Amino acid sequence: RAGVKKGKMRPDKVFLSAVSAGCLLSFAGAVMVSVTAA
């Protein structure tokens, strides 16, 4: 059901939602770099 909802979302909203996901995952990646710098 979630796949249907995502697949039928407006393209502009999908793209902006994906931009947000890329930003959030980058913050997590940066945290990982910081805590493993030993």
PDB file of all heavy atoms in Angstrom:
ATOM      1  N   ARG A   1       0.831  -1.213   0.000  1.00  0.00           N
ATOM      2  CA  ARG A   1       0.000   0.000   0.000  1.00  0.00           C
ATOM      3  C   ARG A   1       0.865   1.261   0.000  1.00  0.00           C
ATOM      4  O   ARG A   1       0.549   2.235  -0.705  1.00  0.00           O
ATOM      5  CB  ARG A   1      -0.919  -0.003   1.222  1.00  0.00           C
ATOM      6  CG  ARG A   1      -1.964  -1.112   1.209  1.00  0.00           C
ATOM      7  CD  ARG A   1      -2.860  -1.054   2.450  1.00  0.00           C
ATOM      8  NE  ARG A   1      -3.755  -2.204   2.531  1.00  0.00           N
ATOM      9  CZ  ARG A   1      -4.672  -2.371   3.481  1.00  0.00           C
ATOM     10  NH1 ARG A   1      -4.802  -1.461   4.445  1.00  0.00           N
ATOM     11  NH2 ARG A   1      -5.450  -3.448   3.471  1.00  0.00           N
ATOM     12  N   ALA A   2       1.943   1.236   0.781  1.00  0.00           N
ATOM     13  CA  ALA A   2       2.848   2.380   0.797  1.00  0.00           C
ATOM     14  C   ALA A   2       3.514   2.567  -0.564  1.00  0.00           C
ATOM     15  O   ALA A   2       3.725   3.693  -1.024  1.00  0.00           O
ATOM     16  CB  ALA A   2       3.909   2.196   1.882  1.00  0.00           C
ATOM     17  N   GLY A   3       3.844   1.449  -1.227  1.00  0.00           N
ATOM     18  CA  GLY A   3       4.448   1.533  -2.550  1.00  0.00           C
ATOM     19  C   GLY A   3       3.524   2.177  -3.566  1.00  0.00           C
ATOM     20  O   GLY A   3       3.964   2.956  -4.419  1.00  0.00           O
ATOM     21  N   VAL A   4       2.220   1.873  -3.479  1.00  0.00           N
ATOM     22  CA  VAL A   4       1.242   2.501  -4.368  1.00  0.00           C
ATOM     23  C   VAL A   4       1.197   4.003  -4.115  1.00  0.00           C
ATOM     24  O   VAL A   4       1.220   4.813  -5.057  1.00  0.00           O
ATOM     25  CB  VAL A   4      -0.154   1.880  -4.166  1.00  0.00           C
ATOM     26  CG1 VAL A   4      -1.185   2.627  -5.004  1.00  0.00           C
ATOM     27  CG2 VAL A   4      -0.139   0.413  -4.533  1.00  0.00           C
ATOM     28  N   LYS A   5       1.139   4.373  -2.843  1.00  0.00           N
ATOM     29  CA  LYS A   5       1.069   5.787  -2.491  1.00  0.00           C
ATOM     30  C   LYS A   5       2.304   6.543  -2.966  1.00  0.00           C
ATOM     31  O   LYS A   5       2.214   7.637  -3.527  1.00  0.00           O
ATOM     32  CB  LYS A   5       0.910   5.938  -0.969  1.00  0.00           C
ATOM     33  CG  LYS A   5       0.761   7.373  -0.506  1.00  0.00           C
ATOM     34  CD  LYS A   5       0.539   7.444   1.001  1.00  0.00           C
ATOM     35  CE  LYS A   5       0.386   8.894   1.450  1.00  0.00           C
ATOM     36  NZ  LYS A   5       0.170   8.972   2.928  1.00  0.00           N
ATOM     37  N   LYS A   6       3.474   5.941  -2.763  1.00  0.00           N
ATOM     38  CA  LYS A   6       4.711   6.586  -3.201  1.00  0.00           C
ATOM     39  C   LYS A   6       4.761   6.681  -4.722  1.00  0.00           C
ATOM     40  O   LYS A   6       5.140   7.718  -5.281  1.00  0.00           O
ATOM     41  CB  LYS A   6       5.914   5.788  -2.681  1.00  0.00           C
ATOM     42  CG  LYS A   6       6.149   5.889  -1.185  1.00  0.00           C
ATOM     43  CD  LYS A   6       7.298   4.984  -0.741  1.00  0.00           C
ATOM     44  CE  LYS A   6       7.554   5.107   0.754  1.00  0.00           C
ATOM     45  NZ  LYS A   6       8.095   6.420   1.135  1.00  0.00           N
ATOM     46  N   GLY A   7       4.394   5.590  -5.405  1.00  0.00           N
ATOM     47  CA  GLY A   7       4.490   5.561  -6.851  1.00  0.00           C
ATOM     48  C   GLY A   7       3.535   6.504  -7.546  1.00  0.00           C
ATOM     49  O   GLY A   7       3.774   6.888  -8.696  1.00  0.00           O
ATOM     50  N   LYS A   8       2.436   6.878  -6.879  1.00  0.00           N
ATOM     51  CA  LYS A   8       1.444   7.759  -7.485  1.00  0.00           C
ATOM     52  C   LYS A   8       1.554   9.199  -6.992  1.00  0.00           C
ATOM     53  O   LYS A   8       0.706  10.032  -7.312  1.00  0.00           O
ATOM     54  CB  LYS A   8       0.038   7.209  -7.222  1.00  0.00           C
ATOM     55  CG  LYS A   8      -0.224   5.880  -7.934  1.00  0.00           C
ATOM     56  CD  LYS A   8      -1.642   5.389  -7.751  1.00  0.00           C
ATOM     57  CE  LYS A   8      -1.879   4.099  -8.546  1.00  0.00           C
ATOM     58  NZ  LYS A   8      -3.270   3.599  -8.389  1.00  0.00           N
ATOM     59  N   MET A   9       2.585   9.484  -6.213  1.00  0.00           N
ATOM     60  CA  MET A   9       2.799  10.843  -5.740  1.00  0.00           C
ATOM     61  C   MET A   9       3.222  11.752  -6.892  1.00  0.00           C
ATOM     62  O   MET A   9       3.837  11.296  -7.864  1.00  0.00           O
ATOM     63  CB  MET A   9       3.890  10.845  -4.654  1.00  0.00           C
ATOM     64  CG  MET A   9       3.969  12.139  -3.851  1.00  0.00           C
ATOM     65  SD  MET A   9       5.409  12.182  -2.731  1.00  0.00           S
ATOM     66  CE  MET A   9       5.246  10.638  -1.872  1.00  0.00           C
ATOM     67  N   ARG A  10       2.904  13.023  -6.809  1.00  0.00           N
ATOM     68  CA  ARG A  10       3.318  13.986  -7.830  1.00  0.00           C
ATOM     69  C   ARG A  10       4.834  14.000  -7.967  1.00  0.00           C
ATOM     70  O   ARG A  10       5.543  13.979  -6.956  1.00  0.00           O
ATOM     71  CB  ARG A  10       2.840  15.388  -7.461  1.00  0.00           C
ATOM     72  CG  ARG A  10       1.479  15.728  -7.970  1.00  0.00           C
ATOM     73  CD  ARG A  10       0.995  17.094  -7.598  1.00  0.00           C
ATOM     74  NE  ARG A  10       2.021  18.035  -7.173  1.00  0.00           N
ATOM     75  CZ  ARG A  10       1.790  19.043  -6.327  1.00  0.00           C
ATOM     76  NH1 ARG A  10       0.591  19.184  -5.787  1.00  0.00           N
ATOM     77  NH2 ARG A  10       2.744  19.875  -5.994  1.00  0.00           N
ATOM     78  N   PRO A  11       5.371  14.041  -9.202  1.00  0.00           N
ATOM     79  CA  PRO A  11       6.826  13.977  -9.401  1.00  0.00           C
ATOM     80  C   PRO A  11       7.608  15.048  -8.648  1.00  0.00           C
ATOM     81  O   PRO A  11       8.687  14.767  -8.118  1.00  0.00           O
ATOM     82  CB  PRO A  11       6.979  14.148 -10.921  1.00  0.00           C
ATOM     83  CG  PRO A  11       5.706  13.600 -11.482  1.00  0.00           C
ATOM     84  CD  PRO A  11       4.645  13.974 -10.490  1.00  0.00           C
ATOM     85  N   ASP A  12       7.081  16.264  -8.573  1.00  0.00           N
ATOM     86  CA  ASP A  12       7.810  17.320  -7.865  1.00  0.00           C
ATOM     87  C   ASP A  12       7.917  17.019  -6.379  1.00  0.00           C
ATOM     88  O   ASP A  12       8.946  17.275  -5.744  1.00  0.00           O
ATOM     89  CB  ASP A  12       7.151  18.683  -8.088  1.00  0.00           C
ATOM     90  CG  ASP A  12       5.711  18.720  -7.595  1.00  0.00           C
ATOM     91  OD1 ASP A  12       4.934  17.806  -7.941  1.00  0.00           O
ATOM     92  OD2 ASP A  12       5.358  19.661  -6.844  1.00  0.00           O
ATOM     93  N   LYS A  13       6.855  16.429  -5.820  1.00  0.00           N
ATOM     94  CA  LYS A  13       6.893  16.065  -4.405  1.00  0.00           C
ATOM     95  C   LYS A  13       7.849  14.901  -4.159  1.00  0.00           C
ATOM     96  O   LYS A  13       8.547  14.866  -3.137  1.00  0.00           O
ATOM     97  CB  LYS A  13       5.484  15.702  -3.908  1.00  0.00           C
ATOM     98  CG  LYS A  13       4.563  16.892  -3.736  1.00  0.00           C
ATOM     99  CD  LYS A  13       3.310  16.499  -2.964  1.00  0.00           C
ATOM    100  CE  LYS A  13       2.491  17.729  -2.602  1.00  0.00           C
ATOM    101  NZ  LYS A  13       1.324  17.393  -1.746  1.00  0.00           N
ATOM    102  N   VAL A  14       7.872  13.946  -5.091  1.00  0.00           N
ATOM    103  CA  VAL A  14       8.801  12.819  -4.957  1.00  0.00           C
ATOM    104  C   VAL A  14      10.233  13.340  -4.935  1.00  0.00           C
ATOM    105  O   VAL A  14      11.051  12.940  -4.092  1.00  0.00           O
ATOM    106  CB  VAL A  14       8.626  11.812  -6.108  1.00  0.00           C
ATOM    107  CG1 VAL A  14       9.702  10.737  -6.037  1.00  0.00           C
ATOM    108  CG2 VAL A  14       7.248  11.176  -6.058  1.00  0.00           C
ATOM    109  N   PHE A  15      10.550  14.238  -5.854  1.00  0.00           N
ATOM    110  CA  PHE A  15      11.916  14.749  -5.939  1.00  0.00           C
ATOM    111  C   PHE A  15      12.305  15.502  -4.672  1.00  0.00           C
ATOM    112  O   PHE A  15      13.387  15.280  -4.114  1.00  0.00           O
ATOM    113  CB  PHE A  15      12.063  15.665  -7.157  1.00  0.00           C
ATOM    114  CG  PHE A  15      13.460  16.194  -7.346  1.00  0.00           C
ATOM    115  CD1 PHE A  15      14.449  15.388  -7.910  1.00  0.00           C
ATOM    116  CD2 PHE A  15      13.801  17.476  -6.959  1.00  0.00           C
ATOM    117  CE1 PHE A  15      15.744  15.864  -8.078  1.00  0.00           C
ATOM    118  CE2 PHE A  15      15.086  17.962  -7.115  1.00  0.00           C
ATOM    119  CZ  PHE A  15      16.062  17.146  -7.682  1.00  0.00           C
ATOM    120  N   LEU A  16      11.427  16.377  -4.188  1.00  0.00           N
ATOM    121  CA  LEU A  16      11.741  17.135  -2.983  1.00  0.00           C
ATOM    122  C   LEU A  16      11.844  16.219  -1.763  1.00  0.00           C
ATOM    123  O   LEU A  16      12.702  16.421  -0.891  1.00  0.00           O
ATOM    124  CB  LEU A  16      10.677  18.211  -2.745  1.00  0.00           C
ATOM    125  CG  LEU A  16      10.685  19.374  -3.733  1.00  0.00           C
ATOM    126  CD1 LEU A  16       9.505  20.304  -3.471  1.00  0.00           C
ATOM    127  CD2 LEU A  16      11.997  20.153  -3.652  1.00  0.00           C
ATOM    128  N   SER A  17      10.984  15.218  -1.704  1.00  0.00           N
ATOM    129  CA  SER A  17      11.057  14.242  -0.614  1.00  0.00           C
ATOM    130  C   SER A  17      12.383  13.500  -0.660  1.00  0.00           C
ATOM    131  O   SER A  17      12.995  13.220   0.385  1.00  0.00           O
ATOM    132  CB  SER A  17       9.889  13.263  -0.725  1.00  0.00           C
ATOM    133  OG  SER A  17       9.942  12.281   0.280  1.00  0.00           O
ATOM    134  N   ALA A  18      12.847  13.182  -1.861  1.00  0.00           N
ATOM    135  CA  ALA A  18      14.123  12.490  -2.013  1.00  0.00           C
ATOM    136  C   ALA A  18      15.296  13.398  -1.655  1.00  0.00           C
ATOM    137  O   ALA A  18      16.300  12.939  -1.088  1.00  0.00           O
ATOM    138  CB  ALA A  18      14.270  11.985  -3.447  1.00  0.00           C
ATOM    139  N   VAL A  19      15.188  14.677  -1.980  1.00  0.00           N
ATOM    140  CA  VAL A  19      16.228  15.626  -1.570  1.00  0.00           C
ATOM    141  C   VAL A  19      16.347  15.636  -0.049  1.00  0.00           C
ATOM    142  O   VAL A  19      17.449  15.609   0.511  1.00  0.00           O
ATOM    143  CB  VAL A  19      15.916  17.045  -2.097  1.00  0.00           C
ATOM    144  CG1 VAL A  19      16.859  18.081  -1.470  1.00  0.00           C
ATOM    145  CG2 VAL A  19      16.040  17.095  -3.617  1.00  0.00           C
ATOM    146  N   SER A  20      15.200  15.675   0.624  1.00  0.00           N
ATOM    147  CA  SER A  20      15.199  15.647   2.086  1.00  0.00           C
ATOM    148  C   SER A  20      15.876  14.387   2.612  1.00  0.00           C
ATOM    149  O   SER A  20      16.678  14.445   3.553  1.00  0.00           O
ATOM    150  CB  SER A  20      13.767  15.724   2.602  1.00  0.00           C
ATOM    151  OG  SER A  20      13.712  15.549   4.007  1.00  0.00           O
ATOM    152  N   ALA A  21      15.562  13.241   2.010  1.00  0.00           N
ATOM    153  CA  ALA A  21      16.165  11.976   2.458  1.00  0.00           C
ATOM    154  C   ALA A  21      17.684  12.002   2.272  1.00  0.00           C
ATOM    155  O   ALA A  21      18.431  11.544   3.141  1.00  0.00           O
ATOM    156  CB  ALA A  21      15.564  10.801   1.687  1.00  0.00           C
ATOM    157  N   GLY A  22      18.155  12.534   1.147  1.00  0.00           N
ATOM    158  CA  GLY A  22      19.591  12.632   0.930  1.00  0.00           C
ATOM    159  C   GLY A  22      20.266  13.505   1.967  1.00  0.00           C
ATOM    160  O   GLY A  22      21.365  13.193   2.449  1.00  0.00           O
ATOM    161  N   CYS A  23      19.607  14.601   2.329  1.00  0.00           N
ATOM    162  CA  CYS A  23      20.163  15.497   3.356  1.00  0.00           C
ATOM    163  C   CYS A  23      20.254  14.788   4.706  1.00  0.00           C
ATOM    164  O   CYS A  23      21.286  14.846   5.390  1.00  0.00           O
ATOM    165  CB  CYS A  23      19.290  16.746   3.486  1.00  0.00           C
ATOM    166  SG  CYS A  23      19.306  17.846   2.053  1.00  0.00           S
ATOM    167  N   LEU A  24      19.162  14.128   5.097  1.00  0.00           N
ATOM    168  CA  LEU A  24      19.130  13.476   6.408  1.00  0.00           C
ATOM    169  C   LEU A  24      20.155  12.351   6.508  1.00  0.00           C
ATOM    170  O   LEU A  24      20.832  12.199   7.534  1.00  0.00           O
ATOM    171  CB  LEU A  24      17.728  12.938   6.683  1.00  0.00           C
ATOM    172  CG  LEU A  24      16.616  13.986   6.801  1.00  0.00           C
ATOM    173  CD1 LEU A  24      15.259  13.319   6.991  1.00  0.00           C
ATOM    174  CD2 LEU A  24      16.894  14.953   7.947  1.00  0.00           C
ATOM    175  N   LEU A  25      20.288  11.568   5.440  1.00  0.00           N
ATOM    176  CA  LEU A  25      21.252  10.476   5.486  1.00  0.00           C
ATOM    177  C   LEU A  25      22.680  11.009   5.497  1.00  0.00           C
ATOM    178  O   LEU A  25      23.579  10.393   6.080  1.00  0.00           O
ATOM    179  CB  LEU A  25      21.053   9.531   4.303  1.00  0.00           C
ATOM    180  CG  LEU A  25      21.620   8.119   4.506  1.00  0.00           C
ATOM    181  CD1 LEU A  25      20.887   7.405   5.636  1.00  0.00           C
ATOM    182  CD2 LEU A  25      21.535   7.297   3.230  1.00  0.00           C
ATOM    183  N   SER A  26      22.897  12.165   4.889  1.00  0.00           N
ATOM    184  CA  SER A  26      24.231  12.774   4.908  1.00  0.00           C
ATOM    185  C   SER A  26      24.619  13.212   6.319  1.00  0.00           C
ATOM    186  O   SER A  26      25.777  13.078   6.719  1.00  0.00           O
ATOM    187  CB  SER A  26      24.282  13.972   3.959  1.00  0.00           C
ATOM    188  OG  SER A  26      24.162  13.545   2.616  1.00  0.00           O
ATOM    189  N   PHE A  27      23.661  13.739   7.059  1.00  0.00           N
ATOM    190  CA  PHE A  27      23.959  14.088   8.451  1.00  0.00           C
ATOM    191  C   PHE A  27      24.365  12.843   9.244  1.00  0.00           C
ATOM    192  O   PHE A  27      25.296  12.887  10.054  1.00  0.00           O
ATOM    193  CB  PHE A  27      22.749  14.759   9.105  1.00  0.00           C
ATOM    194  CG  PHE A  27      22.557  16.193   8.701  1.00  0.00           C
ATOM    195  CD1 PHE A  27      21.436  16.590   8.005  1.00  0.00           C
ATOM    196  CD2 PHE A  27      23.516  17.148   9.007  1.00  0.00           C
ATOM    197  CE1 PHE A  27      21.260  17.921   7.627  1.00  0.00           C
ATOM    198  CE2 PHE A  27      23.355  18.483   8.638  1.00  0.00           C
ATOM    199  CZ  PHE A  27      22.216  18.864   7.943  1.00  0.00           C
ATOM    200  N   ALA A  28      23.666  11.733   9.002  1.00  0.00           N
ATOM    201  CA  ALA A  28      24.021  10.489   9.691  1.00  0.00           C
ATOM    202  C   ALA A  28      25.414  10.022   9.285  1.00  0.00           C
ATOM    203  O   ALA A  28      26.201   9.557  10.123  1.00  0.00           O
ATOM    204  CB  ALA A  28      22.994   9.401   9.382  1.00  0.00           C
ATOM    205  N   GLY A  29      25.738  10.150   7.996  1.00  0.00           N
ATOM    206  CA  GLY A  29      27.069   9.772   7.532  1.00  0.00           C
ATOM    207  C   GLY A  29      28.148  10.623   8.167  1.00  0.00           C
ATOM    208  O   GLY A  29      29.223  10.125   8.527  1.00  0.00           O
ATOM    209  N   ALA A  30      27.859  11.904   8.321  1.00  0.00           N
ATOM    210  CA  ALA A  30      28.836  12.801   8.942  1.00  0.00           C
ATOM    211  C   ALA A  30      29.049  12.450  10.413  1.00  0.00           C
ATOM    212  O   ALA A  30      30.176  12.500  10.921  1.00  0.00           O
ATOM    213  CB  ALA A  30      28.365  14.248   8.808  1.00  0.00           C
ATOM    214  N   VAL A  31      27.966  12.091  11.100  1.00  0.00           N
ATOM    215  CA  VAL A  31      28.093  11.660  12.495  1.00  0.00           C
ATOM    216  C   VAL A  31      28.976  10.419  12.579  1.00  0.00           C
ATOM    217  O   VAL A  31      29.847  10.304  13.448  1.00  0.00           O
ATOM    218  CB  VAL A  31      26.706  11.388  13.109  1.00  0.00           C
ATOM    219  CG1 VAL A  31      26.855  10.737  14.490  1.00  0.00           C
ATOM    220  CG2 VAL A  31      25.917  12.674  13.226  1.00  0.00           C
ATOM    221  N   MET A  32      28.756   9.478  11.656  1.00  0.00           N
ATOM    222  CA  MET A  32      29.545   8.254  11.665  1.00  0.00           C
ATOM    223  C   MET A  32      31.029   8.554  11.455  1.00  0.00           C
ATOM    224  O   MET A  32      31.895   7.975  12.120  1.00  0.00           O
ATOM    225  CB  MET A  32      29.053   7.292  10.581  1.00  0.00           C
ATOM    226  CG  MET A  32      29.741   5.938  10.615  1.00  0.00           C
ATOM    227  SD  MET A  32      29.364   4.915   9.176  1.00  0.00           S
ATOM    228  CE  MET A  32      30.269   5.785   7.892  1.00  0.00           C
ATOM    229  N   VAL A  33      31.342   9.462  10.537  1.00  0.00           N
ATOM    230  CA  VAL A  33      32.741   9.846  10.310  1.00  0.00           C
ATOM    231  C   VAL A  33      33.340  10.428  11.584  1.00  0.00           C
ATOM    232  O   VAL A  33      34.465  10.101  11.975  1.00  0.00           O
ATOM    233  CB  VAL A  33      32.849  10.857   9.152  1.00  0.00           C
ATOM    234  CG1 VAL A  33      34.258  11.449   9.076  1.00  0.00           C
ATOM    235  CG2 VAL A  33      32.496  10.194   7.825  1.00  0.00           C
ATOM    236  N   SER A  34      32.579  11.286  12.244  1.00  0.00           N
ATOM    237  CA  SER A  34      33.090  11.964  13.446  1.00  0.00           C
ATOM    238  C   SER A  34      33.389  10.995  14.583  1.00  0.00           C
ATOM    239  O   SER A  34      34.444  11.062  15.214  1.00  0.00           O
ATOM    240  CB  SER A  34      32.075  13.015  13.923  1.00  0.00           C
ATOM    241  OG  SER A  34      31.936  14.052  12.976  1.00  0.00           O
ATOM    242  N   VAL A  35      32.455  10.067  14.841  1.00  0.00           N
ATOM    243  CA  VAL A  35      32.638   9.189  16.001  1.00  0.00           C
ATOM    244  C   VAL A  35      33.650   8.077  15.741  1.00  0.00           C
ATOM    245  O   VAL A  35      34.124   7.448  16.689  1.00  0.00           O
ATOM    246  CB  VAL A  35      31.297   8.583  16.464  1.00  0.00           C
ATOM    247  CG1 VAL A  35      30.303   9.676  16.836  1.00  0.00           C
ATOM    248  CG2 VAL A  35      30.715   7.659  15.404  1.00  0.00           C
ATOM    249  N   THR A  36      33.959   7.816  14.479  1.00  0.00           N
ATOM    250  CA  THR A  36      34.929   6.752  14.185  1.00  0.00           C
ATOM    251  C   THR A  36      36.320   7.301  13.881  1.00  0.00           C
ATOM    252  O   THR A  36      37.220   6.531  13.521  1.00  0.00           O
ATOM    253  CB  THR A  36      34.455   5.896  12.986  1.00  0.00           C
ATOM    254  OG1 THR A  36      34.252   6.738  11.841  1.00  0.00           O
ATOM    255  CG2 THR A  36      33.160   5.173  13.324  1.00  0.00           C
ATOM    256  N   ALA A  37      36.493   8.613  14.018  1.00  0.00           N
ATOM    257  CA  ALA A  37      37.805   9.225  13.757  1.00  0.00           C
ATOM    258  C   ALA A  37      38.728   8.984  14.950  1.00  0.00           C
ATOM    259  O   ALA A  37      39.006   9.877  15.749  1.00  0.00           O
ATOM    260  CB  ALA A  37      37.654  10.720  13.485  1.00  0.00           C
ATOM    261  N   ALA A  38      39.194   7.755  15.066  1.00  0.00           N
ATOM    262  CA  ALA A  38      40.061   7.357  16.176  1.00  0.00           C
ATOM    263  C   ALA A  38      41.154   6.442  15.612  1.00  0.00           C
ATOM    264  O   ALA A  38      40.976   5.226  15.549  1.00  0.00           O
ATOM    265  CB  ALA A  38      39.244   6.639  17.253  1.00  0.00           C
TER     266      ALA A  38
END
